[in-house]
Amino acid sequence: MANSLRMQVLDQRPRRPGGPPRLSRTIIAVTEKLLEHEEVPMGIVGGLDIHRRQVTFDYLDTVTGEVRRGKIAPADREHVRSWLGRFAGRGDVAFALEGCTGWRFVAEELEAVGACAHLAEPADTAHERGSKQRAKTDRSDARLLRELLVMGRLPESWIPPDHVLEVRGRVRLYKALSDERRGWMQRIRATLFHQGVPALACHLLDADGQGHLQMAELSPAGRESIEVALRQIERLEAELVQLRGALVGFAHHQMGCRALQGHYGIGALLSVAIWEEMGDCRRFGSSSDAVRHAGLDVTVWASDSVRAPGHLARQGPAVLRWALYEAGQAAAKQTSPDHDYYLRVRERLGPERAALSVGRKLGRRCFHTLRDLGEQALAPAA
């Protein structure tokens, strides 16, 4: 049977003039690997490479050995749903897709037709590709995802429930607005310095700060720039207050968030950020894996006797690193249980590195807290 099926596995590249269709060695090898098993768990196994203009598909029918490739364009929910309709009700369909922008609606449509969605971690998937021997294309990316899924080597990521995704979207929106607000504040200070105005000892937005800005010697363009920046900050502050209230209210009613607030330095807002980004901690083998997920682990390059200074990996959710760092800064207070440790690290490495070190400790504690709660950790707010 292997020999007969081998001849059916055709690579859909152009035929040579007057010659037979080309056989793909990779497809043949993967198909023969599947035939070694008595039962094939999935009838359709494929990969989806997602882009804004199109979704490239590459899937293998493990019964007939046929491989199909193509594109879904435009890449919107309606067209993806229409294309997936051919698999509706089968129950033996699995597709792999990278965890990049756009994965959510594709995964939802796969689930709607009863197919299994496997979310691949982009960085680890690129590592599995190895050194590039030829140009990287959408077709090759889709084929790689399918082959990794078939061979059981796909570096899978966790797919959060819908209510966690909704909270995650709000937290990341809050962080984006907060960063924009800070950018406008920095623009004001840069304008003041550029025009020779002494640095203000007070806050720019309080009554004293507004008085200093009114009295400052500025050019017409400089004053206009500052007035525009202040209006933008006022607009952003109104949005931030509304979002912060909704997130804090959620934290007061969700079990996992309430448990995280038991750690010194983690308030209601930070608890929501840590909760939604860390997710189901049962998927981590240890607390070190949770710290690595946050990108707070230190990477060191070494060769023989040469050793470069360590740097943060920064591979993982930026919001989680921000939340743990902000919580770690609370260790500067004398009432913090980590205050002595913070002082020792600050003396050697400075306050920023000390806050990061405390943030790693808090990441480990949050991992144990959420893991011990089990399924209740991610339950919707009561």
Protein backbone atom coordinates (compact mmCIF):
# COMPACT_ATOMS: atom_id res chain seq x y z
CA MET A 1 0.00 0.00 0.00
CA ALA A 2 2.88 2.32 0.72
CA ASN A 3 4.14 2.01 -2.85
CA SER A 4 0.71 2.69 -4.38
CA LEU A 5 0.13 5.67 -2.12
CA ARG A 6 3.64 6.92 -2.85
CA MET A 7 2.74 7.41 -6.50
CA GLN A 8 -0.33 9.45 -5.58
CA VAL A 9 1.61 12.06 -3.61
CA LEU A 10 2.29 14.72 -6.22
CA ASP A 11 3.90 18.09 -5.76
CA GLN A 12 1.74 20.62 -7.58
CA ARG A 13 4.66 22.41 -9.22
CA PRO A 14 4.70 22.86 -13.01
CA ARG A 15 5.50 19.68 -14.91
CA ARG A 16 8.58 19.37 -17.01
CA PRO A 17 7.77 19.45 -20.72
CA GLY A 18 6.82 15.96 -21.75
CA GLY A 19 7.70 14.53 -18.35
CA PRO A 20 5.73 13.11 -15.42
CA PRO A 21 4.63 15.20 -12.44
CA ARG A 22 7.38 15.92 -9.93
CA LEU A 23 7.34 14.07 -6.65
CA SER A 24 8.06 15.99 -3.44
CA ARG A 25 10.55 14.06 -1.34
CA THR A 26 9.35 15.74 1.84
CA ILE A 27 5.70 14.87 1.17
CA ILE A 28 6.62 11.27 0.38
CA ALA A 29 8.65 10.92 3.55
CA VAL A 30 5.92 12.43 5.71
CA THR A 31 3.24 10.24 4.14
CA GLU A 32 5.27 7.08 4.65
CA LYS A 33 5.80 8.12 8.26
CA LEU A 34 2.04 8.32 8.69
CA LEU A 35 1.61 4.87 7.14
CA GLU A 36 3.86 3.36 9.80
CA HIS A 37 1.02 3.83 12.28
CA GLU A 38 -2.00 1.55 12.34
CA GLU A 39 -4.38 4.46 12.72
CA VAL A 40 -4.04 8.03 11.47
CA PRO A 41 -5.77 10.33 14.00
CA MET A 42 -6.47 13.09 11.48
CA GLY A 43 -7.72 12.76 7.91
CA ILE A 44 -6.75 16.32 6.93
CA VAL A 45 -3.56 17.89 8.28
CA GLY A 46 -2.46 21.30 7.04
CA GLY A 47 -0.82 24.63 7.60
CA LEU A 48 -2.14 28.18 7.16
CA ASP A 49 0.17 31.14 6.58
CA ILE A 50 -1.74 34.32 7.47
CA HIS A 51 -1.16 37.71 5.87
CA ARG A 52 -3.31 40.81 5.48
CA ARG A 53 -3.98 40.21 1.79
CA GLN A 54 -4.31 36.43 1.69
CA VAL A 55 -4.16 33.21 3.69
CA THR A 56 -1.98 30.56 2.05
CA PHE A 57 -3.03 26.96 2.73
CA ASP A 58 -1.18 23.68 2.35
CA TYR A 59 -2.92 20.51 3.53
CA LEU A 60 -2.47 16.77 3.19
CA ASP A 61 -5.25 14.23 2.86
CA THR A 62 -3.76 11.30 4.79
CA VAL A 63 -6.22 8.86 3.23
CA THR A 64 -5.46 9.53 -0.44
CA GLY A 65 -2.04 11.12 0.02
CA GLU A 66 -3.13 14.16 -2.00
CA VAL A 67 -1.63 17.55 -1.16
CA ARG A 68 -3.52 20.73 -2.01
CA ARG A 69 -2.15 24.26 -2.00
CA GLY A 70 -3.64 27.62 -2.71
CA LYS A 71 -4.64 31.02 -1.37
CA ILE A 72 -7.72 32.49 0.27
CA ALA A 73 -8.11 36.10 -0.81
CA PRO A 74 -9.04 38.50 0.56
CA ALA A 75 -8.06 37.39 4.05
CA ASP A 76 -11.28 38.14 5.91
CA ARG A 77 -13.68 36.13 8.03
CA GLU A 78 -16.25 35.69 5.27
CA HIS A 79 -13.87 34.16 2.74
CA VAL A 80 -12.09 31.98 5.30
CA ARG A 81 -15.45 30.69 6.51
CA SER A 82 -16.55 29.92 2.97
CA TRP A 83 -13.33 28.01 2.24
CA LEU A 84 -13.50 26.01 5.48
CA GLY A 85 -17.06 24.94 4.68
CA ARG A 86 -15.67 21.93 2.78
CA PHE A 87 -14.49 20.47 6.11
CA ALA A 88 -17.67 21.08 8.09
CA GLY A 89 -18.75 18.16 10.26
CA ARG A 90 -15.76 15.95 9.51
CA GLY A 91 -14.11 16.05 12.94
CA ASP A 92 -10.77 14.76 11.63
CA VAL A 93 -9.29 18.05 10.42
CA ALA A 94 -6.33 19.85 12.00
CA PHE A 95 -4.54 22.99 10.85
CA ALA A 96 -1.47 24.76 12.24
CA LEU A 97 -1.12 28.53 12.11
CA GLU A 98 1.42 30.93 13.57
CA GLY A 99 0.50 33.14 16.51
CA CYS A 100 0.79 36.37 14.50
CA THR A 101 -1.72 39.14 13.89
CA GLY A 102 -4.93 37.65 12.52
CA TRP A 103 -4.73 34.22 14.12
CA ARG A 104 -7.79 34.76 16.31
CA PHE A 105 -10.51 34.91 13.65
CA VAL A 106 -8.95 32.02 11.72
CA ALA A 107 -8.84 29.86 14.86
CA GLU A 108 -12.45 30.76 15.64
CA GLU A 109 -13.58 29.74 12.15
CA LEU A 110 -11.66 26.47 12.41
CA GLU A 111 -13.41 25.73 15.69
CA ALA A 112 -16.79 26.60 14.14
CA VAL A 113 -16.47 23.81 11.53
CA GLY A 114 -15.21 21.30 14.09
CA ALA A 115 -11.55 21.47 13.04
CA CYS A 116 -8.67 21.53 15.51
CA ALA A 117 -6.51 24.68 15.50
CA HIS A 118 -2.87 24.41 16.57
CA LEU A 119 -1.24 27.76 17.32
CA ALA A 120 2.50 27.80 16.61
CA GLU A 121 5.00 30.01 18.43
CA PRO A 122 6.56 32.19 15.70
CA ALA A 123 10.14 32.37 17.03
CA ASP A 124 10.39 28.63 17.71
CA THR A 125 8.82 27.88 14.35
CA ALA A 126 11.49 29.97 12.63
CA HIS A 127 14.12 28.02 14.56
CA GLU A 128 12.64 24.76 13.29
CA ARG A 129 13.01 26.05 9.73
CA GLY A 130 16.79 26.12 10.15
CA SER A 131 19.14 27.96 7.84
CA LYS A 132 17.45 29.14 4.66
CA GLN A 133 18.68 27.33 1.56
CA ARG A 134 16.25 29.11 -0.74
CA ALA A 135 13.92 32.09 -0.74
CA LYS A 136 11.30 32.12 2.01
CA THR A 137 7.76 32.23 0.59
CA ASP A 138 4.20 31.98 1.87
CA ARG A 139 3.92 28.51 0.33
CA SER A 140 7.06 27.30 2.10
CA ASP A 141 5.82 28.71 5.41
CA ALA A 142 2.47 26.92 5.08
CA ARG A 143 4.23 23.70 4.10
CA LEU A 144 6.57 23.96 7.08
CA LEU A 145 3.65 24.34 9.48
CA ARG A 146 1.94 21.30 7.99
CA GLU A 147 5.07 19.14 8.14
CA LEU A 148 5.83 20.12 11.74
CA LEU A 149 2.24 19.30 12.73
CA VAL A 150 2.37 15.91 11.02
CA MET A 151 5.69 14.99 12.66
CA GLY A 152 4.59 16.18 16.11
CA ARG A 153 7.29 18.86 16.26
CA LEU A 154 5.10 21.96 16.12
CA PRO A 155 6.07 24.40 18.93
CA GLU A 156 2.55 25.06 20.14
CA SER A 157 1.30 28.11 22.00
CA TRP A 158 -1.64 28.32 24.36
CA ILE A 159 -4.96 29.48 22.89
CA PRO A 160 -6.77 31.53 25.56
CA PRO A 161 -10.54 31.34 26.10
CA ASP A 162 -12.63 34.12 24.62
CA HIS A 163 -13.12 35.99 27.90
CA VAL A 164 -9.36 36.06 28.49
CA LEU A 165 -8.78 37.36 24.96
CA GLU A 166 -11.28 40.14 25.56
CA VAL A 167 -9.56 41.24 28.76
CA ARG A 168 -6.17 40.97 27.06
CA GLY A 169 -7.34 43.32 24.33
CA ARG A 170 -8.43 45.91 26.90
CA VAL A 171 -5.19 45.66 28.89
CA ARG A 172 -3.05 46.09 25.78
CA LEU A 173 -5.19 49.05 24.71
CA TYR A 174 -4.62 50.61 28.14
CA LYS A 175 -0.87 50.08 27.82
CA ALA A 176 -0.82 51.58 24.30
CA LEU A 177 -2.73 54.67 25.44
CA SER A 178 -0.46 55.01 28.48
CA ASP A 179 2.62 54.85 26.27
CA GLU A 180 1.16 57.50 23.97
CA ARG A 181 0.44 59.75 26.94
CA ARG A 182 4.01 59.38 28.16
CA GLY A 183 5.24 60.22 24.66
CA TRP A 184 3.35 63.52 24.69
CA MET A 185 4.77 64.35 28.13
CA GLN A 186 8.28 63.71 26.83
CA ARG A 187 7.55 65.93 23.84
CA ILE A 188 6.59 68.79 26.16
CA ARG A 189 9.78 68.46 28.19
CA ALA A 190 11.87 68.24 25.01
CA THR A 191 10.25 71.43 23.67
CA LEU A 192 10.91 73.26 26.93
CA PHE A 193 14.54 72.21 26.95
CA HIS A 194 14.98 73.08 23.25
CA GLN A 195 13.78 76.63 23.98
CA GLY A 196 15.93 77.05 27.07
CA VAL A 197 13.20 76.91 29.70
CA PRO A 198 14.57 75.72 33.09
CA ALA A 199 13.51 72.25 34.15
CA LEU A 200 10.34 72.36 36.22
CA ALA A 201 10.54 70.93 39.73
CA CYS A 202 6.76 70.39 39.82
CA HIS A 203 4.45 68.17 37.82
CA LEU A 204 3.50 69.61 34.46
CA LEU A 205 -0.21 68.88 34.82
CA ASP A 206 -0.91 70.28 38.30
CA ALA A 207 -1.71 73.92 39.12
CA ASP A 208 1.93 74.89 39.73
CA GLY A 209 3.05 73.24 36.51
CA GLN A 210 0.38 75.02 34.46
CA GLY A 211 1.44 78.32 36.03
CA HIS A 212 5.08 77.75 35.10
CA LEU A 213 4.10 76.87 31.53
CA GLN A 214 2.09 80.09 31.21
CA MET A 215 5.04 82.18 32.42
CA ALA A 216 7.67 80.34 30.35
CA GLU A 217 9.43 82.28 27.61
CA LEU A 218 8.45 80.34 24.48
CA SER A 219 8.23 81.06 20.78
CA PRO A 220 4.74 81.00 19.19
CA ALA A 221 5.43 77.62 17.58
CA GLY A 222 6.78 76.19 20.85
CA ARG A 223 3.75 77.35 22.83
CA GLU A 224 1.41 75.96 20.19
CA SER A 225 3.23 72.62 20.33
CA ILE A 226 2.81 72.46 24.11
CA GLU A 227 -0.88 73.43 23.99
CA VAL A 228 -1.59 70.71 21.42
CA ALA A 229 0.29 68.17 23.56
CA LEU A 230 -1.70 69.15 26.66
CA ARG A 231 -4.99 68.69 24.79
CA GLN A 232 -3.88 65.23 23.62
CA ILE A 233 -2.91 64.30 27.17
CA GLU A 234 -6.29 65.43 28.45
CA ARG A 235 -8.03 63.30 25.83
CA LEU A 236 -5.92 60.25 26.61
CA GLU A 237 -6.41 60.68 30.34
CA ALA A 238 -10.18 60.52 29.93
CA GLU A 239 -9.89 57.26 27.99
CA LEU A 240 -7.42 55.82 30.50
CA VAL A 241 -9.68 56.59 33.47
CA GLN A 242 -12.57 54.75 31.85
CA LEU A 243 -10.46 51.73 30.91
CA ARG A 244 -8.73 51.60 34.28
CA GLY A 245 -12.08 51.58 36.07
CA ALA A 246 -13.34 48.65 33.99
CA LEU A 247 -10.15 46.63 34.51
CA VAL A 248 -10.00 47.29 38.26
CA GLY A 249 -13.65 46.27 38.57
CA PHE A 250 -12.88 43.02 36.78
CA ALA A 251 -9.92 42.37 39.09
CA HIS A 252 -12.11 42.68 42.17
CA HIS A 253 -14.43 39.89 40.94
CA GLN A 254 -12.05 37.41 39.27
CA MET A 255 -10.57 34.73 41.53
CA GLY A 256 -7.14 34.55 39.91
CA CYS A 257 -6.69 38.33 39.98
CA ARG A 258 -7.72 38.51 43.63
CA ALA A 259 -5.17 35.83 44.49
CA LEU A 260 -2.39 37.69 42.67
CA GLN A 261 -3.15 40.85 44.66
CA GLY A 262 -1.96 39.02 47.75
CA HIS A 263 1.63 39.58 46.59
CA TYR A 264 3.18 42.85 47.69
CA GLY A 265 3.40 45.36 44.84
CA ILE A 266 0.66 43.83 42.69
CA GLY A 267 -2.43 46.00 42.68
CA ALA A 268 -5.72 45.50 40.90
CA LEU A 269 -4.58 46.82 37.52
CA LEU A 270 -1.28 44.93 37.47
CA SER A 271 -3.00 41.74 38.61
CA VAL A 272 -5.22 41.78 35.52
CA ALA A 273 -2.21 42.31 33.24
CA ILE A 274 -0.29 39.43 34.82
CA TRP A 275 -3.36 37.18 34.89
CA GLU A 276 -4.28 37.54 31.21
CA GLU A 277 -0.70 37.39 29.88
CA MET A 278 0.48 34.48 32.02
CA GLY A 279 -2.67 32.49 31.31
CA ASP A 280 -2.95 28.82 32.20
CA CYS A 281 0.19 28.19 34.25
CA ARG A 282 -0.36 24.43 34.16
CA ARG A 283 1.24 24.45 30.71
CA PHE A 284 4.59 25.50 32.24
CA GLY A 285 6.86 22.80 33.60
CA SER A 286 8.35 25.05 36.28
CA SER A 287 8.46 28.63 37.48
CA SER A 288 11.60 29.12 35.37
CA ASP A 289 9.50 28.44 32.28
CA ALA A 290 7.07 31.15 33.39
CA VAL A 291 9.93 33.66 33.79
CA ARG A 292 11.24 32.63 30.38
CA HIS A 293 7.77 33.15 28.93
CA ALA A 294 7.86 36.73 30.24
CA GLY A 295 11.23 37.36 28.59
CA LEU A 296 12.84 38.30 31.91
CA ASP A 297 15.44 35.55 31.82
CA VAL A 298 19.04 36.59 31.19
CA THR A 299 20.78 35.32 28.07
CA VAL A 300 24.57 35.11 27.96
CA TRP A 301 26.76 34.48 24.93
CA ALA A 302 29.93 32.53 25.71
CA SER A 303 32.68 30.95 23.63
CA ASP A 304 35.69 29.33 25.27
CA SER A 305 36.90 31.85 27.84
CA VAL A 306 35.06 34.80 26.28
CA ARG A 307 31.80 35.68 28.00
CA ALA A 308 29.62 38.61 27.02
CA PRO A 309 27.48 40.47 29.58
CA GLY A 310 23.97 39.14 30.02
CA HIS A 311 20.93 40.77 28.49
CA LEU A 312 17.21 40.24 28.91
CA ALA A 313 15.75 37.82 26.39
CA ARG A 314 12.69 40.06 25.78
CA GLN A 315 11.01 37.11 24.06
CA GLY A 316 7.44 37.12 25.22
CA PRO A 317 4.57 39.46 26.10
CA ALA A 318 5.85 43.01 26.60
CA VAL A 319 2.83 43.78 28.80
CA LEU A 320 3.81 40.98 31.19
CA ARG A 321 7.37 42.33 31.50
CA TRP A 322 5.97 45.81 32.14
CA ALA A 323 3.59 44.58 34.85
CA LEU A 324 6.24 42.55 36.69
CA TYR A 325 8.74 45.41 36.49
CA GLU A 326 6.20 47.91 37.84
CA ALA A 327 5.36 45.53 40.68
CA GLY A 328 9.07 45.00 41.37
CA GLN A 329 9.60 48.73 41.87
CA ALA A 330 7.41 48.56 44.98
CA ALA A 331 10.26 46.66 46.68
CA ALA A 332 11.97 50.03 47.18
CA LYS A 333 9.53 50.63 50.03
CA GLN A 334 10.66 49.57 53.48
CA THR A 335 7.42 47.66 54.09
CA SER A 336 8.14 45.32 51.19
CA PRO A 337 9.19 41.77 52.13
CA ASP A 338 11.78 41.98 49.33
CA HIS A 339 13.24 45.30 50.49
CA ASP A 340 16.52 43.84 51.79
CA TYR A 341 17.04 41.86 48.59
CA TYR A 342 16.24 44.96 46.55
CA LEU A 343 18.84 47.00 48.44
CA ARG A 344 21.54 44.37 47.93
CA VAL A 345 20.94 44.19 44.18
CA ARG A 346 20.62 47.97 43.87
CA GLU A 347 23.97 48.45 45.54
CA ARG A 348 25.67 46.21 42.96
CA LEU A 349 23.65 46.81 39.78
CA GLY A 350 21.45 49.88 40.23
CA PRO A 351 17.73 50.44 40.86
CA GLU A 352 16.49 49.30 37.45
CA ARG A 353 18.22 45.93 37.61
CA ALA A 354 17.05 45.55 41.20
CA ALA A 355 13.42 46.07 40.19
CA LEU A 356 13.84 43.51 37.38
CA SER A 357 15.28 40.99 39.83
CA VAL A 358 12.32 41.43 42.16
CA GLY A 359 10.03 41.18 39.12
CA ARG A 360 11.48 37.73 38.37
CA LYS A 361 10.73 36.64 41.93
CA LEU A 362 7.18 37.91 41.60
CA GLY A 363 6.81 36.06 38.30
CA ARG A 364 7.71 32.81 40.02
CA ARG A 365 5.28 33.48 42.86
CA CYS A 366 2.48 34.34 40.44
CA PHE A 367 3.14 31.08 38.60
CA HIS A 368 2.67 29.04 41.79
CA THR A 369 -0.40 31.05 42.82
CA LEU A 370 -2.22 30.55 39.52
CA ARG A 371 -1.15 26.94 39.10
CA ASP A 372 -2.42 26.02 42.57
CA LEU A 373 -5.83 27.48 41.72
CA GLY A 374 -6.17 25.10 38.77
CA GLU A 375 -9.18 25.69 36.56
CA GLN A 376 -10.51 28.34 38.91
CA ALA A 377 -7.59 30.60 38.04
CA LEU A 378 -9.07 31.43 34.61
CA ALA A 379 -12.75 31.27 35.48
CA PRO A 380 -14.81 34.27 34.27
CA ALA A 381 -15.44 37.02 36.79
CA ALA A 382 -18.31 36.26 39.13
